N, C-alpha and C. Protein backbone atom coordinates (compact mmCIF):
# COMPACT_ATOMS: atom_id res chain seq x y z
N UNK A 1 -2.38 10.95 -20.83
CA UNK A 1 -2.98 11.78 -19.81
C UNK A 1 -1.68 12.40 -19.26
N UNK A 2 -2.12 13.43 -19.23
CA UNK A 2 -0.64 14.55 -18.24
C UNK A 2 -0.55 14.18 -16.91
N UNK A 3 0.56 14.20 -16.86
CA UNK A 3 1.35 13.94 -15.47
C UNK A 3 0.73 14.63 -14.11
N UNK A 4 0.51 15.57 -14.35
CA UNK A 4 -0.58 15.96 -12.56
C UNK A 4 -1.52 14.87 -12.34
N UNK A 5 -1.93 14.28 -13.55
CA UNK A 5 -3.55 13.39 -13.70
C UNK A 5 -2.69 12.30 -13.61
N UNK A 6 -1.87 11.62 -13.50
CA UNK A 6 -1.04 10.20 -13.61
C UNK A 6 -0.62 10.38 -12.21
N UNK A 7 0.31 11.48 -11.36
CA UNK A 7 0.27 11.52 -10.10
C UNK A 7 -1.25 10.87 -9.23
N UNK A 8 -2.14 12.10 -9.73
CA UNK A 8 -3.16 11.17 -8.70
C UNK A 8 -3.83 10.57 -9.14
N UNK A 9 -3.98 9.97 -9.77
CA UNK A 9 -4.01 8.22 -9.78
C UNK A 9 -3.09 7.50 -8.95
N UNK A 10 -2.50 7.41 -9.19
CA UNK A 10 -1.31 6.91 -8.83
C UNK A 10 -1.18 7.34 -6.90
N UNK A 11 -1.11 8.24 -6.70
CA UNK A 11 -1.53 8.75 -4.94
C UNK A 11 -2.69 8.27 -4.39
N UNK A 12 -4.10 8.42 -5.42
CA UNK A 12 -5.10 7.73 -4.90
C UNK A 12 -5.25 5.93 -4.98
N UNK A 13 -4.82 5.48 -5.32
CA UNK A 13 -4.01 4.16 -5.90
C UNK A 13 -3.47 3.44 -4.71
N UNK A 14 -2.40 4.03 -4.24
CA UNK A 14 -1.65 3.94 -3.14
C UNK A 14 -2.32 3.82 -1.65
N UNK A 15 -3.32 5.11 -1.86
CA UNK A 15 -4.10 5.30 -0.75
C UNK A 15 -5.02 3.57 -0.83
N UNK A 16 -5.77 3.99 -0.91
CA UNK A 16 -6.53 2.62 -1.23
C UNK A 16 -5.82 1.10 -1.25
N UNK A 17 -4.90 0.99 -1.52
CA UNK A 17 -4.01 -0.45 -1.58
C UNK A 17 -3.16 -0.34 0.21
N UNK A 18 -3.36 1.16 0.56
CA UNK A 18 -2.57 0.73 1.71
C UNK A 18 -3.82 0.62 2.81
N UNK A 19 -5.00 0.62 2.57
CA UNK A 19 -6.61 0.16 3.51
C UNK A 19 -6.03 -1.26 4.12
N UNK A 20 -6.40 -2.46 2.87
CA UNK A 20 -6.48 -3.61 3.04
C UNK A 20 -4.77 -3.67 3.60
N UNK A 21 -3.96 -3.85 2.94
CA UNK A 21 -2.32 -3.83 3.66
C UNK A 21 -2.60 -3.84 5.07
N UNK A 22 -2.86 -2.82 5.62
CA UNK A 22 -3.23 -2.48 6.92
C UNK A 22 -3.73 -3.00 7.60
N UNK A 23 -5.48 -3.14 6.91
CA UNK A 23 -6.13 -4.39 7.69
C UNK A 23 -5.61 -5.47 8.31
N UNK A 24 -5.46 -6.35 6.65
CA UNK A 24 -4.80 -7.55 7.04
C UNK A 24 -3.70 -7.78 7.36
N UNK A 25 -2.71 -6.64 7.57
CA UNK A 25 -1.45 -6.92 8.39
C UNK A 25 -1.70 -7.41 10.00
N UNK A 26 -2.77 -5.88 10.48
CA UNK A 26 -2.80 -6.26 11.61
C UNK A 26 -3.11 -7.36 12.00
N UNK A 27 -4.67 -7.91 11.18
CA UNK A 27 -4.75 -9.35 11.57
C UNK A 27 -3.96 -10.91 11.37
N UNK A 28 -3.06 -10.58 10.63
CA UNK A 28 -2.06 -11.48 10.72
C UNK A 28 -1.11 -11.50 11.82
N UNK A 29 -1.01 -10.08 12.43
CA UNK A 29 -0.08 -10.11 13.91
C UNK A 29 -1.03 -10.29 14.73
N UNK A 30 -1.94 -10.22 14.36
CA UNK A 30 -3.30 -10.72 15.97
C UNK A 30 -3.32 -12.61 16.24
N UNK A 31 -3.24 -13.15 14.64
CA UNK A 31 -3.63 -14.43 14.11
C UNK A 31 -2.94 -15.42 15.14
N UNK A 32 -1.91 -15.44 15.75
CA UNK A 32 -1.42 -16.42 17.02
C UNK A 32 -2.30 -16.12 17.94
N UNK A 33 -2.68 -14.89 18.40
CA UNK A 33 -2.99 -14.40 19.82
C UNK A 33 -4.79 -15.21 19.66
N UNK A 34 -5.45 -14.62 19.16
CA UNK A 34 -6.62 -14.86 18.58
C UNK A 34 -7.08 -15.72 17.88
N UNK A 35 -6.92 -16.03 16.85
CA UNK A 35 -7.11 -17.05 15.56
C UNK A 35 -8.32 -15.81 14.36
N UNK A 36 -7.68 -14.32 14.68
CA UNK A 36 -8.86 -13.68 13.84
C UNK A 36 -8.40 -14.23 12.80
N UNK A 37 -7.58 -14.32 12.24
CA UNK A 37 -7.30 -14.62 10.54
C UNK A 37 -8.68 -15.55 9.97
N UNK A 38 -8.39 -16.41 11.02
CA UNK A 38 -9.17 -18.19 10.14
C UNK A 38 -11.08 -17.84 10.06
N UNK A 39 -11.74 -16.62 11.28
CA UNK A 39 -12.49 -16.33 11.17
C UNK A 39 -12.69 -14.66 10.10
N UNK A 40 -11.29 -14.16 10.05
CA UNK A 40 -11.77 -12.93 8.70
C UNK A 40 -12.24 -13.46 7.54
N UNK A 41 -10.79 -14.71 7.48
CA UNK A 41 -10.83 -15.06 5.70
C UNK A 41 -12.28 -15.58 5.46
N UNK A 42 -12.83 -16.18 6.44
CA UNK A 42 -14.90 -16.33 5.85
C UNK A 42 -15.35 -15.54 5.23
N UNK A 43 -15.07 -14.04 5.60
CA UNK A 43 -15.12 -13.08 4.95
C UNK A 43 -15.45 -12.71 3.68
N UNK A 44 -13.97 -12.86 3.08
CA UNK A 44 -13.63 -12.98 1.88
C UNK A 44 -13.99 -13.72 1.15
N UNK A 45 -15.40 -14.88 1.61
CA UNK A 45 -15.57 -16.24 0.40
C UNK A 45 -16.36 -15.54 -0.63
N UNK A 46 -17.05 -14.42 -0.64
CA UNK A 46 -17.80 -14.00 -1.80
C UNK A 46 -16.33 -13.51 -2.54
N UNK A 47 -15.09 -13.04 -2.42
CA UNK A 47 -14.32 -12.44 -3.37
C UNK A 47 -13.47 -13.92 -3.86
N UNK A 48 -13.65 -15.61 -3.50
CA UNK A 48 -12.80 -15.82 -3.80
C UNK A 48 -12.39 -16.85 -2.67
N UNK A 49 -12.08 -17.99 -2.32
CA UNK A 49 -11.15 -18.91 -1.38
C UNK A 49 -9.87 -18.30 -0.80
N UNK A 50 -9.57 -17.07 -0.98
CA UNK A 50 -8.44 -17.08 -1.22
C UNK A 50 -7.59 -16.07 0.59
N UNK A 51 -6.76 -16.74 1.52
CA UNK A 51 -6.49 -16.04 2.49
C UNK A 51 -6.12 -14.79 2.55
N UNK A 52 -6.14 -14.16 3.45
CA UNK A 52 -5.68 -12.84 3.82
C UNK A 52 -4.38 -12.87 3.68
N UNK A 53 -3.30 -14.27 3.76
CA UNK A 53 -2.01 -13.58 3.84
C UNK A 53 -1.62 -13.38 2.01
N UNK A 54 -2.74 -14.46 1.26
CA UNK A 54 -2.52 -14.03 -0.19
C UNK A 54 -3.00 -12.38 -0.14
N UNK A 55 -4.34 -12.34 0.06
CA UNK A 55 -4.22 -11.01 0.07
C UNK A 55 -3.72 -9.81 0.66
N UNK A 56 -2.89 -9.97 1.75
CA UNK A 56 -1.62 -9.17 2.23
C UNK A 56 -0.95 -9.34 1.09
N UNK A 57 -0.21 -10.11 0.71
CA UNK A 57 1.13 -10.13 -0.37
C UNK A 57 0.14 -9.05 -1.54
N UNK A 58 -0.11 -10.00 -1.80
CA UNK A 58 -0.54 -9.10 -3.66
C UNK A 58 -0.88 -7.61 -3.41
N UNK A 59 -1.23 -7.33 -2.14
CA UNK A 59 -1.58 -5.64 -2.12
C UNK A 59 -0.68 -5.17 -1.33
N UNK A 60 0.32 -5.67 -1.07
CA UNK A 60 1.71 -4.69 -0.93
C UNK A 60 2.57 -5.07 -2.12
N UNK A 61 2.61 -6.32 -2.60
CA UNK A 61 3.24 -6.09 -3.99
C UNK A 61 2.96 -4.32 -4.84
N UNK A 62 1.72 -4.73 -5.23
CA UNK A 62 0.83 -3.32 -5.63
C UNK A 62 1.41 -2.39 -5.12
N UNK A 63 0.92 -2.26 -4.05
CA UNK A 63 2.25 -0.92 -2.91
C UNK A 63 2.68 -0.41 -3.51
N UNK A 64 3.86 -1.43 -3.00
CA UNK A 64 5.08 -0.81 -3.29
C UNK A 64 5.26 -0.50 -4.97
N UNK A 65 5.23 -1.47 -6.17
CA UNK A 65 4.95 -0.77 -7.14
C UNK A 65 4.82 0.50 -7.44
N UNK A 66 3.11 0.71 -6.75
CA UNK A 66 3.20 2.19 -6.87
C UNK A 66 4.15 3.10 -6.37
N UNK A 67 4.27 3.14 -5.19
CA UNK A 67 5.08 3.89 -4.45
C UNK A 67 6.62 3.71 -5.25
N UNK A 68 6.91 3.00 -6.04
CA UNK A 68 8.24 3.04 -7.08
C UNK A 68 7.62 3.87 -8.23
N UNK A 69 6.71 4.33 -9.00
CA UNK A 69 6.25 4.75 -9.58
C UNK A 69 5.33 6.42 -9.22
N UNK A 70 5.50 5.94 -7.92
CA UNK A 70 5.48 7.51 -7.47
C UNK A 70 6.45 8.16 -7.37
N UNK A 71 7.35 7.14 -6.59
CA UNK A 71 9.14 8.09 -6.45
C UNK A 71 9.50 8.68 -8.26
N UNK A 72 9.19 7.30 -9.02
CA UNK A 72 9.82 7.95 -10.61
C UNK A 72 9.28 9.63 -10.59
N UNK A 73 8.01 9.81 -11.38
CA UNK A 73 7.13 10.80 -11.18
C UNK A 73 7.29 12.04 -10.33
N UNK A 74 7.80 12.07 -9.03
CA UNK A 74 7.84 13.40 -8.00
C UNK A 74 9.21 13.09 -7.83
N UNK A 75 10.27 12.43 -8.81
CA UNK A 75 12.15 13.13 -8.31
C UNK A 75 11.94 13.90 -7.69
N UNK A 76 11.87 15.32 -8.49
CA UNK A 76 12.21 16.53 -8.73
C UNK A 76 12.20 17.19 -7.31
N UNK A 77 10.21 16.71 -6.88
CA UNK A 77 10.25 17.15 -5.94
C UNK A 77 11.44 16.63 -4.27
N UNK A 78 11.36 15.38 -4.91
CA UNK A 78 11.76 14.82 -3.67
C UNK A 78 13.65 15.35 -3.36
N UNK A 79 13.84 16.10 -4.35
CA UNK A 79 15.28 16.15 -4.86
C UNK A 79 15.46 17.96 -3.72
N UNK A 80 14.61 18.24 -4.44
CA UNK A 80 14.15 19.95 -4.02
C UNK A 80 14.05 19.71 -2.22
N UNK A 81 13.34 18.74 -1.72
CA UNK A 81 13.22 18.65 -0.39
C UNK A 81 14.20 18.35 0.24
N UNK A 82 15.13 17.05 -0.58
CA UNK A 82 16.32 17.14 0.88
C UNK A 82 17.13 18.66 -0.43
N UNK A 83 17.59 18.90 -0.97
CA UNK A 83 17.64 20.28 -1.12
C UNK A 83 17.85 21.43 -0.56
N UNK A 84 16.36 20.98 0.06
CA UNK A 84 16.52 22.05 0.97
C UNK A 84 16.36 21.62 2.20
N UNK A 85 16.49 20.43 2.38
CA UNK A 85 17.04 20.40 4.22
C UNK A 85 18.74 20.76 4.70
N UNK A 86 18.78 20.15 2.92
CA UNK A 86 20.63 20.45 3.42
C UNK A 86 20.96 22.10 3.63
N UNK A 87 20.31 22.69 2.63
CA UNK A 87 21.00 24.09 3.00
C UNK A 87 20.57 24.60 5.04
N UNK A 88 19.44 24.01 5.21
CA UNK A 88 18.89 24.29 6.46
C UNK A 88 19.51 23.71 8.04
N UNK A 89 20.37 22.59 7.37
CA UNK A 89 21.26 22.42 8.38
C UNK A 89 22.58 22.62 9.26
């Protein structure tokens, strides 16, 4: 697999993982007020008896790992952007 295709795959996986992280994060943030996590947890029964907290944790770790891979694949671009920021400042 060439680097350009790998970059695309990693970026799409990061985008796909950000959706459950965002949704479960919002539900966990709202849970002490309205108990939405208990109600939302029932929606996960087809996927097993995993609570939203576990889904949030697992997808967050996967997203963090993919972010590190993404930075490794794009470090030259990042360095060039930082250099251009220093030149314009």
